[in-house]
PDB file of N, CA and C in Angstrom:
ATOM      1  N   MET A   1      13.676   6.615  19.450  1.00  0.00           N
ATOM      2  CA  MET A   1      13.312   5.755  18.334  1.00  0.00           C
ATOM      3  C   MET A   1      13.179   6.623  17.087  1.00  0.00           C
ATOM      4  N   GLU A   2      13.771   6.171  16.033  1.00  0.00           N
ATOM      5  CA  GLU A   2      13.656   6.855  14.749  1.00  0.00           C
ATOM      6  C   GLU A   2      12.764   6.033  13.839  1.00  0.00           C
ATOM      7  N   ILE A   3      11.773   6.676  13.253  1.00  0.00           N
ATOM      8  CA  ILE A   3      10.834   5.989  12.371  1.00  0.00           C
ATOM      9  C   ILE A   3      11.111   6.431  10.943  1.00  0.00           C
ATOM     10  N   ASN A   4      11.377   5.462  10.071  1.00  0.00           N
ATOM     11  CA  ASN A   4      11.700   5.738   8.669  1.00  0.00           C
ATOM     12  C   ASN A   4      10.668   5.106   7.741  1.00  0.00           C
ATOM     13  N   ASN A   5       9.434   5.537   7.870  1.00  0.00           N
ATOM     14  CA  ASN A   5       8.397   4.969   7.012  1.00  0.00           C
ATOM     15  C   ASN A   5       8.537   5.498   5.589  1.00  0.00           C
ATOM     16  N   LYS A   6       8.214   4.636   4.637  1.00  0.00           N
ATOM     17  CA  LYS A   6       8.338   4.974   3.217  1.00  0.00           C
ATOM     18  C   LYS A   6       7.116   5.742   2.712  1.00  0.00           C
ATOM     19  N   PHE A   7       5.963   5.488   3.305  1.00  0.00           N
ATOM     20  CA  PHE A   7       4.698   6.121   2.922  1.00  0.00           C
ATOM     21  C   PHE A   7       4.095   6.815   4.134  1.00  0.00           C
ATOM     22  N   ASN A   8       3.127   7.685   3.895  1.00  0.00           N
ATOM     23  CA  ASN A   8       2.489   8.435   4.971  1.00  0.00           C
ATOM     24  C   ASN A   8       0.977   8.221   4.978  1.00  0.00           C
ATOM     25  N   ILE A   9       0.358   8.481   6.115  1.00  0.00           N
ATOM     26  CA  ILE A   9      -1.097   8.412   6.217  1.00  0.00           C
ATOM     27  C   ILE A   9      -1.693   9.415   5.236  1.00  0.00           C
ATOM     28  N   GLY A  10      -2.694   8.960   4.490  1.00  0.00           N
ATOM     29  CA  GLY A  10      -3.343   9.805   3.494  1.00  0.00           C
ATOM     30  C   GLY A  10      -2.808   9.610   2.093  1.00  0.00           C
ATOM     31  N   ASP A  11      -1.666   8.947   1.944  1.00  0.00           N
ATOM     32  CA  ASP A  11      -1.120   8.688   0.603  1.00  0.00           C
ATOM     33  C   ASP A  11      -2.033   7.742  -0.167  1.00  0.00           C
ATOM     34  N   VAL A  12      -2.180   8.000  -1.451  1.00  0.00           N
ATOM     35  CA  VAL A  12      -2.895   7.079  -2.339  1.00  0.00           C
ATOM     36  C   VAL A  12      -1.856   6.146  -2.931  1.00  0.00           C
ATOM     37  N   VAL A  13      -2.061   4.842  -2.753  1.00  0.00           N
ATOM     38  CA  VAL A  13      -1.105   3.842  -3.233  1.00  0.00           C
ATOM     39  C   VAL A  13      -1.841   2.720  -3.958  1.00  0.00           C
ATOM     40  N   TYR A  14      -1.052   1.885  -4.628  1.00  0.00           N
ATOM     41  CA  TYR A  14      -1.588   0.748  -5.375  1.00  0.00           C
ATOM     42  C   TYR A  14      -0.890  -0.519  -4.896  1.00  0.00           C
ATOM     43  N   ILE A  15      -1.647  -1.592  -4.791  1.00  0.00           N
ATOM     44  CA  ILE A  15      -1.082  -2.881  -4.422  1.00  0.00           C
ATOM     45  C   ILE A  15      -0.466  -3.473  -5.688  1.00  0.00           C
ATOM     46  N   LYS A  16       0.798  -3.816  -5.613  1.00  0.00           N
ATOM     47  CA  LYS A  16       1.540  -4.251  -6.800  1.00  0.00           C
ATOM     48  C   LYS A  16       0.937  -5.491  -7.465  1.00  0.00           C
ATOM     49  N   THR A  17       0.308  -6.361  -6.714  1.00  0.00           N
ATOM     50  CA  THR A  17      -0.240  -7.595  -7.277  1.00  0.00           C
ATOM     51  C   THR A  17      -1.719  -7.490  -7.648  1.00  0.00           C
ATOM     52  N   ASP A  18      -2.331  -6.345  -7.430  1.00  0.00           N
ATOM     53  CA  ASP A  18      -3.745  -6.152  -7.768  1.00  0.00           C
ATOM     54  C   ASP A  18      -3.888  -5.955  -9.268  1.00  0.00           C
ATOM     55  N   VAL A  19      -4.516  -6.880  -9.945  1.00  0.00           N
ATOM     56  CA  VAL A  19      -4.641  -6.810 -11.405  1.00  0.00           C
ATOM     57  C   VAL A  19      -5.544  -5.664 -11.862  1.00  0.00           C
ATOM     58  N   GLU A  20      -6.415  -5.202 -10.992  1.00  0.00           N
ATOM     59  CA  GLU A  20      -7.283  -4.079 -11.345  1.00  0.00           C
ATOM     60  C   GLU A  20      -6.650  -2.735 -11.007  1.00  0.00           C
ATOM     61  N   GLN A  21      -5.560  -2.736 -10.228  1.00  0.00           N
ATOM     62  CA  GLN A  21      -4.847  -1.530  -9.824  1.00  0.00           C
ATOM     63  C   GLN A  21      -5.781  -0.454  -9.262  1.00  0.00           C
ATOM     64  N   LYS A  22      -6.607  -0.862  -8.306  1.00  0.00           N
ATOM     65  CA  LYS A  22      -7.515   0.075  -7.647  1.00  0.00           C
ATOM     66  C   LYS A  22      -6.729   0.939  -6.660  1.00  0.00           C
ATOM     67  N   PRO A  23      -7.042   2.225  -6.586  1.00  0.00           N
ATOM     68  CA  PRO A  23      -6.349   3.090  -5.625  1.00  0.00           C
ATOM     69  C   PRO A  23      -6.784   2.777  -4.192  1.00  0.00           C
ATOM     70  N   ASN A  24      -5.832   2.858  -3.275  1.00  0.00           N
ATOM     71  CA  ASN A  24      -6.076   2.640  -1.852  1.00  0.00           C
ATOM     72  C   ASN A  24      -5.485   3.813  -1.082  1.00  0.00           C
ATOM     73  N   ILE A  25      -6.071   4.123   0.060  1.00  0.00           N
ATOM     74  CA  ILE A  25      -5.570   5.204   0.903  1.00  0.00           C
ATOM     75  C   ILE A  25      -4.981   4.600   2.169  1.00  0.00           C
ATOM     76  N   ILE A  26      -3.797   5.050   2.545  1.00  0.00           N
ATOM     77  CA  ILE A  26      -3.184   4.586   3.790  1.00  0.00           C
ATOM     78  C   ILE A  26      -3.899   5.266   4.955  1.00  0.00           C
ATOM     79  N   ILE A  27      -4.489   4.453   5.842  1.00  0.00           N
ATOM     80  CA  ILE A  27      -5.226   5.011   6.970  1.00  0.00           C
ATOM     81  C   ILE A  27      -4.535   4.758   8.307  1.00  0.00           C
ATOM     82  N   CYS A  28      -3.504   3.898   8.311  1.00  0.00           N
ATOM     83  CA  CYS A  28      -2.811   3.584   9.558  1.00  0.00           C
ATOM     84  C   CYS A  28      -1.428   3.025   9.238  1.00  0.00           C
ATOM     85  N   ILE A  29      -0.454   3.389  10.057  1.00  0.00           N
ATOM     86  CA  ILE A  29       0.887   2.806   9.950  1.00  0.00           C
ATOM     87  C   ILE A  29       1.198   2.149  11.280  1.00  0.00           C
ATOM     88  N   LYS A  30       1.525   0.874  11.241  1.00  0.00           N
ATOM     89  CA  LYS A  30       1.886   0.144  12.457  1.00  0.00           C
ATOM     90  C   LYS A  30       3.397  -0.039  12.483  1.00  0.00           C
ATOM     91  N   VAL A  31       4.005   0.357  13.580  1.00  0.00           N
ATOM     92  CA  VAL A  31       5.449   0.265  13.747  1.00  0.00           C
ATOM     93  C   VAL A  31       5.730  -0.768  14.829  1.00  0.00           C
ATOM     94  N   TYR A  32       6.547  -1.758  14.497  1.00  0.00           N
ATOM     95  CA  TYR A  32       6.902  -2.812  15.437  1.00  0.00           C
ATOM     96  C   TYR A  32       8.329  -2.611  15.933  1.00  0.00           C
ATOM     97  N   SER A  33       8.676  -3.217  17.024  1.00  0.00           N
ATOM     98  CA  SER A  33       9.956  -2.989  17.690  1.00  0.00           C
ATOM     99  C   SER A  33      11.173  -3.375  16.858  1.00  0.00           C
ATOM    100  N   ASP A  34      11.041  -4.247  15.914  1.00  0.00           N
ATOM    101  CA  ASP A  34      12.192  -4.687  15.114  1.00  0.00           C
ATOM    102  C   ASP A  34      12.276  -3.963  13.765  1.00  0.00           C
ATOM    103  N   ASP A  35      11.808  -2.701  13.719  1.00  0.00           N
ATOM    104  CA  ASP A  35      11.842  -1.885  12.508  1.00  0.00           C
ATOM    105  C   ASP A  35      10.975  -2.478  11.400  1.00  0.00           C
ATOM    106  N   PHE A  36       9.908  -3.102  11.791  1.00  0.00           N
ATOM    107  CA  PHE A  36       8.952  -3.741  10.890  1.00  0.00           C
ATOM    108  C   PHE A  36       7.741  -2.824  10.800  1.00  0.00           C
ATOM    109  N   TYR A  37       7.337  -2.460   9.586  1.00  0.00           N
ATOM    110  CA  TYR A  37       6.208  -1.568   9.374  1.00  0.00           C
ATOM    111  C   TYR A  37       5.132  -2.273   8.552  1.00  0.00           C
ATOM    112  N   THR A  38       3.887  -1.996   8.877  1.00  0.00           N
ATOM    113  CA  THR A  38       2.789  -2.386   7.994  1.00  0.00           C
ATOM    114  C   THR A  38       1.921  -1.161   7.773  1.00  0.00           C
ATOM    115  N   TYR A  39       1.333  -1.110   6.609  1.00  0.00           N
ATOM    116  CA  TYR A  39       0.471   0.001   6.225  1.00  0.00           C
ATOM    117  C   TYR A  39      -0.933  -0.546   6.039  1.00  0.00           C
ATOM    118  N   ASN A  40      -1.896   0.033   6.746  1.00  0.00           N
ATOM    119  CA  ASN A  40      -3.278  -0.392   6.600  1.00  0.00           C
ATOM    120  C   ASN A  40      -3.899   0.427   5.479  1.00  0.00           C
ATOM    121  N   LEU A  41      -4.334  -0.271   4.432  1.00  0.00           N
ATOM    122  CA  LEU A  41      -4.904   0.377   3.257  1.00  0.00           C
ATOM    123  C   LEU A  41      -6.416   0.229   3.261  1.00  0.00           C
ATOM    124  N   ASN A  42      -7.084   1.300   2.911  1.00  0.00           N
ATOM    125  CA  ASN A  42      -8.536   1.301   2.846  1.00  0.00           C
ATOM    126  C   ASN A  42      -8.953   1.488   1.393  1.00  0.00           C
ATOM    127  N   SER A  43      -9.772   0.576   0.909  1.00  0.00           N
ATOM    128  CA  SER A  43     -10.314   0.683  -0.439  1.00  0.00           C
ATOM    129  C   SER A  43     -11.841   0.650  -0.317  1.00  0.00           C
ATOM    130  N   PRO A  44     -12.553   0.858  -1.408  1.00  0.00           N
ATOM    131  CA  PRO A  44     -14.014   0.816  -1.323  1.00  0.00           C
ATOM    132  C   PRO A  44     -14.570  -0.532  -0.859  1.00  0.00           C
ATOM    133  N   THR A  45     -13.782  -1.594  -0.993  1.00  0.00           N
ATOM    134  CA  THR A  45     -14.309  -2.922  -0.657  1.00  0.00           C
ATOM    135  C   THR A  45     -13.749  -3.537   0.620  1.00  0.00           C
ATOM    136  N   ASP A  46     -12.548  -3.128   1.069  1.00  0.00           N
ATOM    137  CA  ASP A  46     -11.976  -3.739   2.280  1.00  0.00           C
ATOM    138  C   ASP A  46     -10.845  -2.909   2.867  1.00  0.00           C
ATOM    139  N   SER A  47     -10.249  -3.452   3.921  1.00  0.00           N
ATOM    140  CA  SER A  47      -9.126  -2.811   4.602  1.00  0.00           C
ATOM    141  C   SER A  47      -8.162  -3.905   5.037  1.00  0.00           C
ATOM    142  N   ASN A  48      -6.883  -3.785   4.630  1.00  0.00           N
ATOM    143  CA  ASN A  48      -5.892  -4.808   4.944  1.00  0.00           C
ATOM    144  C   ASN A  48      -4.528  -4.180   5.187  1.00  0.00           C
ATOM    145  N   ASP A  49      -3.651  -4.949   5.846  1.00  0.00           N
ATOM    146  CA  ASP A  49      -2.284  -4.506   6.102  1.00  0.00           C
ATOM    147  C   ASP A  49      -1.338  -5.031   5.025  1.00  0.00           C
ATOM    148  N   TYR A  50      -0.389  -4.171   4.628  1.00  0.00           N
ATOM    149  CA  TYR A  50       0.608  -4.529   3.619  1.00  0.00           C
ATOM    150  C   TYR A  50       1.966  -4.008   4.039  1.00  0.00           C
ATOM    151  N   ARG A  51       3.021  -4.678   3.615  1.00  0.00           N
ATOM    152  CA  ARG A  51       4.392  -4.199   3.810  1.00  0.00           C
ATOM    153  C   ARG A  51       4.736  -3.206   2.701  1.00  0.00           C
ATOM    154  N   ASP A  52       5.765  -2.400   2.905  1.00  0.00           N
ATOM    155  CA  ASP A  52       6.096  -1.355   1.932  1.00  0.00           C
ATOM    156  C   ASP A  52       6.495  -1.907   0.567  1.00  0.00           C
ATOM    157  N   TYR A  53       7.070  -3.101   0.522  1.00  0.00           N
ATOM    158  CA  TYR A  53       7.473  -3.665  -0.769  1.00  0.00           C
ATOM    159  C   TYR A  53       6.281  -4.209  -1.570  1.00  0.00           C
ATOM    160  N   GLU A  54       5.092  -4.255  -0.963  1.00  0.00           N
ATOM    161  CA  GLU A  54       3.899  -4.743  -1.644  1.00  0.00           C
ATOM    162  C   GLU A  54       3.072  -3.632  -2.274  1.00  0.00           C
ATOM    163  N   ILE A  55       3.429  -2.372  -1.988  1.00  0.00           N
ATOM    164  CA  ILE A  55       2.636  -1.258  -2.484  1.00  0.00           C
ATOM    165  C   ILE A  55       3.521  -0.250  -3.216  1.00  0.00           C
ATOM    166  N   SER A  56       2.870   0.596  -4.023  1.00  0.00           N
ATOM    167  CA  SER A  56       3.591   1.590  -4.811  1.00  0.00           C
ATOM    168  C   SER A  56       2.732   2.845  -4.942  1.00  0.00           C
ATOM    169  N   LYS A  57       3.378   3.994  -5.075  1.00  0.00           N
ATOM    170  CA  LYS A  57       2.640   5.232  -5.317  1.00  0.00           C
ATOM    171  C   LYS A  57       2.200   5.346  -6.766  1.00  0.00           C
ATOM    172  N   GLU A  58       2.807   4.546  -7.623  1.00  0.00           N
ATOM    173  CA  GLU A  58       2.509   4.582  -9.059  1.00  0.00           C
ATOM    174  C   GLU A  58       1.630   3.406  -9.458  1.00  0.00           C
ATOM    175  N   GLU A  59       0.611   3.680 -10.252  1.00  0.00           N
ATOM    176  CA  GLU A  59      -0.238   2.628 -10.803  1.00  0.00           C
ATOM    177  C   GLU A  59       0.558   1.854 -11.845  1.00  0.00           C
ATOM    178  N   ASP A  60       0.478   0.520 -11.809  1.00  0.00           N
ATOM    179  CA  ASP A  60       1.159  -0.320 -12.803  1.00  0.00           C
ATOM    180  C   ASP A  60       0.191  -0.567 -13.954  1.00  0.00           C
ATOM    181  N   LYS A  61       0.269   0.274 -14.958  1.00  0.00           N
ATOM    182  CA  LYS A  61      -0.658   0.176 -16.090  1.00  0.00           C
ATOM    183  C   LYS A  61      -0.436  -1.085 -16.903  1.00  0.00           C
ATOM    184  N   LEU A  62       0.789  -1.598 -16.911  1.00  0.00           N
ATOM    185  CA  LEU A  62       1.090  -2.804 -17.677  1.00  0.00           C
ATOM    186  C   LEU A  62       0.362  -4.023 -17.108  1.00  0.00           C
ATOM    187  N   ILE A  63       0.376  -4.186 -15.784  1.00  0.00           N
ATOM    188  CA  ILE A  63      -0.327  -5.333 -15.186  1.00  0.00           C
ATOM    189  C   ILE A  63      -1.838  -5.199 -15.392  1.00  0.00           C
ATOM    190  N   LYS A  64      -2.327  -3.967 -15.377  1.00  0.00           N
ATOM    191  CA  LYS A  64      -3.744  -3.717 -15.576  1.00  0.00           C
ATOM    192  C   LYS A  64      -4.168  -4.077 -17.004  1.00  0.00           C
ATOM    193  N   VAL A  65      -3.369  -3.677 -17.992  1.00  0.00           N
ATOM    194  CA  VAL A  65      -3.683  -3.938 -19.405  1.00  0.00           C
ATOM    195  C   VAL A  65      -3.561  -5.433 -19.705  1.00  0.00           C
ATOM    196  N   ASN A  66      -2.547  -6.090 -19.166  1.00  0.00           N
ATOM    197  CA  ASN A  66      -2.322  -7.501 -19.454  1.00  0.00           C
ATOM    198  C   ASN A  66      -3.396  -8.403 -18.867  1.00  0.00           C
ATOM    199  N   ASN A  67      -4.186  -7.934 -17.941  1.00  0.00           N
ATOM    200  CA  ASN A  67      -5.183  -8.773 -17.308  1.00  0.00           C
ATOM    201  C   ASN A  67      -6.599  -8.467 -17.769  1.00  0.00           C
ATOM    202  N   TYR A  68      -6.749  -7.755 -18.890  1.00  0.00           N
ATOM    203  CA  TYR A  68      -8.083  -7.522 -19.443  1.00  0.00           C
ATOM    204  C   TYR A  68      -8.322  -8.385 -20.630  1.00  0.00           C
TER     205      TYR A  68
END
């Protein structure tokens, strides 16, 4: 089995739809049999699973500014 994850455990990432653009740390990567990956993100307030297209290594300053 070859695993091609886009992010790694310990990476600091941002949820693309989070208007506050709070940093999250990847604490777990779940690999499913059909090449489906989820990343468990830990923030100061919660922990949730996200797909790679929902997160980014770069903070989106534009979404943050537009929502203040």
